[in-house]
Amino acid sequence: MKLDNLENTRTQMRRGVLELCILSIISEAGEVYPPDIKDRLADSRIVVVEGTLYPLLTRLKNADLLAYSWRESTQGPPRKYYTLTEAGKLFLDGLLETWHELVDAVNLATKQNNLLNNE
């Protein structure tokens, strides 16, 4: 396997969990300003650019998983803060359940694979 293929797969895996991470961050914070989401992701070593974050937030809002409100800012124009809707909370619960099932399955599969390689 070429290394560029590996990096492509890594990127796809990160994108696959980005929605889960964003919804979890909003759930934990209660309401959050998008640059704070970006900072929190960066703290977790998930690098996301605004060109990825804002369209994803819009898609989640259009799916009725997020709501937003405008707040005046002392440092410029009003800011948009996101919160989870009730549907968003249920969706996040389902994603977390699926994530934990997937992690368990992958751990089992890779453990079995490692055991076979060590024989």
C-alpha atoms as a PDB file:
ATOM      1  CA  MET A   1       0.000   0.000   0.000  1.00  0.00           C
ATOM      2  CA  LYS A   2       1.329   3.379  -0.914  1.00  0.00           C
ATOM      3  CA  LEU A   3       1.618   5.964   1.864  1.00  0.00           C
ATOM      4  CA  ASP A   4      -0.646   8.425   0.037  1.00  0.00           C
ATOM      5  CA  ASN A   5      -3.374   5.761   0.138  1.00  0.00           C
ATOM      6  CA  LEU A   6      -2.859   5.483   3.889  1.00  0.00           C
ATOM      7  CA  GLU A   7      -3.216   9.236   4.350  1.00  0.00           C
ATOM      8  CA  ASN A   8      -6.372   9.243   2.236  1.00  0.00           C
ATOM      9  CA  THR A   9      -7.863   6.493   4.412  1.00  0.00           C
ATOM     10  CA  ARG A  10      -6.910   8.393   7.577  1.00  0.00           C
ATOM     11  CA  THR A  11      -8.611  11.522   6.232  1.00  0.00           C
ATOM     12  CA  GLN A  12     -11.778   9.586   5.415  1.00  0.00           C
ATOM     13  CA  MET A  13     -11.845   8.035   8.881  1.00  0.00           C
ATOM     14  CA  ARG A  14     -11.492  11.468  10.510  1.00  0.00           C
ATOM     15  CA  ARG A  15     -14.304  12.873   8.384  1.00  0.00           C
ATOM     16  CA  GLY A  16     -16.477   9.956   9.396  1.00  0.00           C
ATOM     17  CA  VAL A  17     -16.270  10.836  13.079  1.00  0.00           C
ATOM     18  CA  LEU A  18     -16.301  14.627  12.708  1.00  0.00           C
ATOM     19  CA  GLU A  19     -20.086  14.879  12.935  1.00  0.00           C
ATOM     20  CA  LEU A  20     -20.071  12.816  16.132  1.00  0.00           C
ATOM     21  CA  CYS A  21     -17.361  15.009  17.650  1.00  0.00           C
ATOM     22  CA  ILE A  22     -19.088  18.268  16.729  1.00  0.00           C
ATOM     23  CA  LEU A  23     -22.433  17.157  18.130  1.00  0.00           C
ATOM     24  CA  SER A  24     -20.721  15.929  21.301  1.00  0.00           C
ATOM     25  CA  ILE A  25     -18.915  19.244  21.776  1.00  0.00           C
ATOM     26  CA  ILE A  26     -22.157  21.190  21.365  1.00  0.00           C
ATOM     27  CA  SER A  27     -23.969  18.824  23.723  1.00  0.00           C
ATOM     28  CA  GLU A  28     -21.312  19.207  26.403  1.00  0.00           C
ATOM     29  CA  ALA A  29     -21.146  22.986  26.088  1.00  0.00           C
ATOM     30  CA  GLY A  30     -24.901  23.523  25.864  1.00  0.00           C
ATOM     31  CA  GLU A  31     -24.345  26.207  23.274  1.00  0.00           C
ATOM     32  CA  VAL A  32     -21.208  27.038  21.382  1.00  0.00           C
ATOM     33  CA  TYR A  33     -19.682  29.518  18.962  1.00  0.00           C
ATOM     34  CA  PRO A  34     -18.129  27.801  15.883  1.00  0.00           C
ATOM     35  CA  PRO A  35     -14.536  29.023  16.462  1.00  0.00           C
ATOM     36  CA  ASP A  36     -14.758  27.384  19.897  1.00  0.00           C
ATOM     37  CA  ILE A  37     -15.759  24.103  18.198  1.00  0.00           C
ATOM     38  CA  LYS A  38     -12.743  24.430  15.918  1.00  0.00           C
ATOM     39  CA  ASP A  39     -10.451  25.095  18.918  1.00  0.00           C
ATOM     40  CA  ARG A  40     -11.842  22.133  20.844  1.00  0.00           C
ATOM     41  CA  LEU A  41     -11.333  19.865  17.850  1.00  0.00           C
ATOM     42  CA  ALA A  42      -7.765  21.153  17.469  1.00  0.00           C
ATOM     43  CA  ASP A  43      -7.143  20.426  21.163  1.00  0.00           C
ATOM     44  CA  SER A  44      -8.224  16.859  20.372  1.00  0.00           C
ATOM     45  CA  ARG A  45      -5.800  16.736  17.415  1.00  0.00           C
ATOM     46  CA  ILE A  46      -8.618  16.911  14.862  1.00  0.00           C
ATOM     47  CA  VAL A  47      -7.785  19.685  12.448  1.00  0.00           C
ATOM     48  CA  VAL A  48     -10.784  21.160  10.668  1.00  0.00           C
ATOM     49  CA  VAL A  49     -10.923  24.233   8.478  1.00  0.00           C
ATOM     50  CA  GLU A  50     -13.783  26.713   8.358  1.00  0.00           C
ATOM     51  CA  GLY A  51     -14.599  25.536   4.838  1.00  0.00           C
ATOM     52  CA  THR A  52     -15.470  22.161   6.354  1.00  0.00           C
ATOM     53  CA  LEU A  53     -16.994  23.255   9.666  1.00  0.00           C
ATOM     54  CA  TYR A  54     -19.543  25.822   8.513  1.00  0.00           C
ATOM     55  CA  PRO A  55     -21.120  23.703   5.745  1.00  0.00           C
ATOM     56  CA  LEU A  56     -21.391  20.803   8.191  1.00  0.00           C
ATOM     57  CA  LEU A  57     -23.075  23.020  10.800  1.00  0.00           C
ATOM     58  CA  THR A  58     -25.489  24.244   8.125  1.00  0.00           C
ATOM     59  CA  ARG A  59     -26.278  20.681   7.064  1.00  0.00           C
ATOM     60  CA  LEU A  60     -26.915  19.636  10.676  1.00  0.00           C
ATOM     61  CA  LYS A  61     -29.119  22.708  11.187  1.00  0.00           C
ATOM     62  CA  ASN A  62     -31.077  21.956   8.010  1.00  0.00           C
ATOM     63  CA  ALA A  63     -31.593  18.407   9.288  1.00  0.00           C
ATOM     64  CA  ASP A  64     -33.158  19.924  12.444  1.00  0.00           C
ATOM     65  CA  LEU A  65     -30.387  18.522  14.623  1.00  0.00           C
ATOM     66  CA  LEU A  66     -29.073  21.972  15.549  1.00  0.00           C
ATOM     67  CA  ALA A  67     -30.604  25.343  16.288  1.00  0.00           C
ATOM     68  CA  TYR A  68     -28.836  28.649  16.593  1.00  0.00           C
ATOM     69  CA  SER A  69     -29.326  32.052  18.113  1.00  0.00           C
ATOM     70  CA  TRP A  70     -27.601  35.356  17.506  1.00  0.00           C
ATOM     71  CA  ARG A  71     -25.788  37.178  20.285  1.00  0.00           C
ATOM     72  CA  GLU A  72     -24.340  40.651  20.310  1.00  0.00           C
ATOM     73  CA  SER A  73     -20.575  40.737  20.583  1.00  0.00           C
ATOM     74  CA  THR A  74     -18.385  43.363  22.203  1.00  0.00           C
ATOM     75  CA  GLN A  75     -15.741  42.591  19.568  1.00  0.00           C
ATOM     76  CA  GLY A  76     -17.587  42.989  16.275  1.00  0.00           C
ATOM     77  CA  PRO A  77     -20.757  41.771  14.616  1.00  0.00           C
ATOM     78  CA  PRO A  78     -23.305  39.508  16.321  1.00  0.00           C
ATOM     79  CA  ARG A  79     -22.258  35.882  16.752  1.00  0.00           C
ATOM     80  CA  LYS A  80     -24.174  32.722  15.954  1.00  0.00           C
ATOM     81  CA  TYR A  81     -24.290  30.177  18.799  1.00  0.00           C
ATOM     82  CA  TYR A  82     -25.391  26.589  18.171  1.00  0.00           C
ATOM     83  CA  THR A  83     -27.369  24.248  20.423  1.00  0.00           C
ATOM     84  CA  LEU A  84     -28.675  20.718  19.956  1.00  0.00           C
ATOM     85  CA  THR A  85     -32.371  20.275  19.282  1.00  0.00           C
ATOM     86  CA  GLU A  86     -34.265  17.403  20.901  1.00  0.00           C
ATOM     87  CA  ALA A  87     -33.854  15.506  17.624  1.00  0.00           C
ATOM     88  CA  GLY A  88     -30.141  16.319  17.748  1.00  0.00           C
ATOM     89  CA  LYS A  89     -29.847  14.879  21.249  1.00  0.00           C
ATOM     90  CA  LEU A  90     -31.520  11.647  20.152  1.00  0.00           C
ATOM     91  CA  PHE A  91     -29.360  11.516  17.033  1.00  0.00           C
ATOM     92  CA  LEU A  92     -26.206  12.002  19.116  1.00  0.00           C
ATOM     93  CA  ASP A  93     -27.275   9.224  21.482  1.00  0.00           C
ATOM     94  CA  GLY A  94     -27.681   6.916  18.484  1.00  0.00           C
ATOM     95  CA  LEU A  95     -24.305   7.933  17.050  1.00  0.00           C
ATOM     96  CA  LEU A  96     -22.584   7.331  20.388  1.00  0.00           C
ATOM     97  CA  GLU A  97     -24.185   3.908  20.719  1.00  0.00           C
ATOM     98  CA  THR A  98     -23.104   3.024  17.185  1.00  0.00           C
ATOM     99  CA  TRP A  99     -19.603   4.375  17.831  1.00  0.00           C
ATOM    100  CA  HIS A 100     -19.142   2.259  20.960  1.00  0.00           C
ATOM    101  CA  GLU A 101     -20.421  -0.851  19.162  1.00  0.00           C
ATOM    102  CA  LEU A 102     -18.025  -0.160  16.285  1.00  0.00           C
ATOM    103  CA  VAL A 103     -15.040   0.406  18.586  1.00  0.00           C
ATOM    104  CA  ASP A 104     -15.792  -2.851  20.404  1.00  0.00           C
ATOM    105  CA  ALA A 105     -16.124  -4.741  17.103  1.00  0.00           C
ATOM    106  CA  VAL A 106     -12.900  -3.269  15.705  1.00  0.00           C
ATOM    107  CA  ASN A 107     -11.062  -4.050  18.934  1.00  0.00           C
ATOM    108  CA  LEU A 108     -12.247  -7.653  18.753  1.00  0.00           C
ATOM    109  CA  ALA A 109     -11.411  -7.988  15.072  1.00  0.00           C
ATOM    110  CA  THR A 110      -7.966  -6.485  15.377  1.00  0.00           C
ATOM    111  CA  LYS A 111      -7.251  -8.464  18.548  1.00  0.00           C
ATOM    112  CA  GLN A 112      -8.136 -11.684  16.718  1.00  0.00           C
ATOM    113  CA  ASN A 113      -6.020 -10.551  13.774  1.00  0.00           C
ATOM    114  CA  ASN A 114      -3.088  -9.853  16.101  1.00  0.00           C
ATOM    115  CA  LEU A 115      -3.480 -13.291  17.708  1.00  0.00           C
ATOM    116  CA  LEU A 116      -3.405 -14.970  14.290  1.00  0.00           C
ATOM    117  CA  ASN A 117      -0.266 -13.050  13.302  1.00  0.00           C
ATOM    118  CA  ASN A 118       1.503 -14.066  16.512  1.00  0.00           C
ATOM    119  CA  GLU A 119       0.933 -17.814  15.998  1.00  0.00           C
END
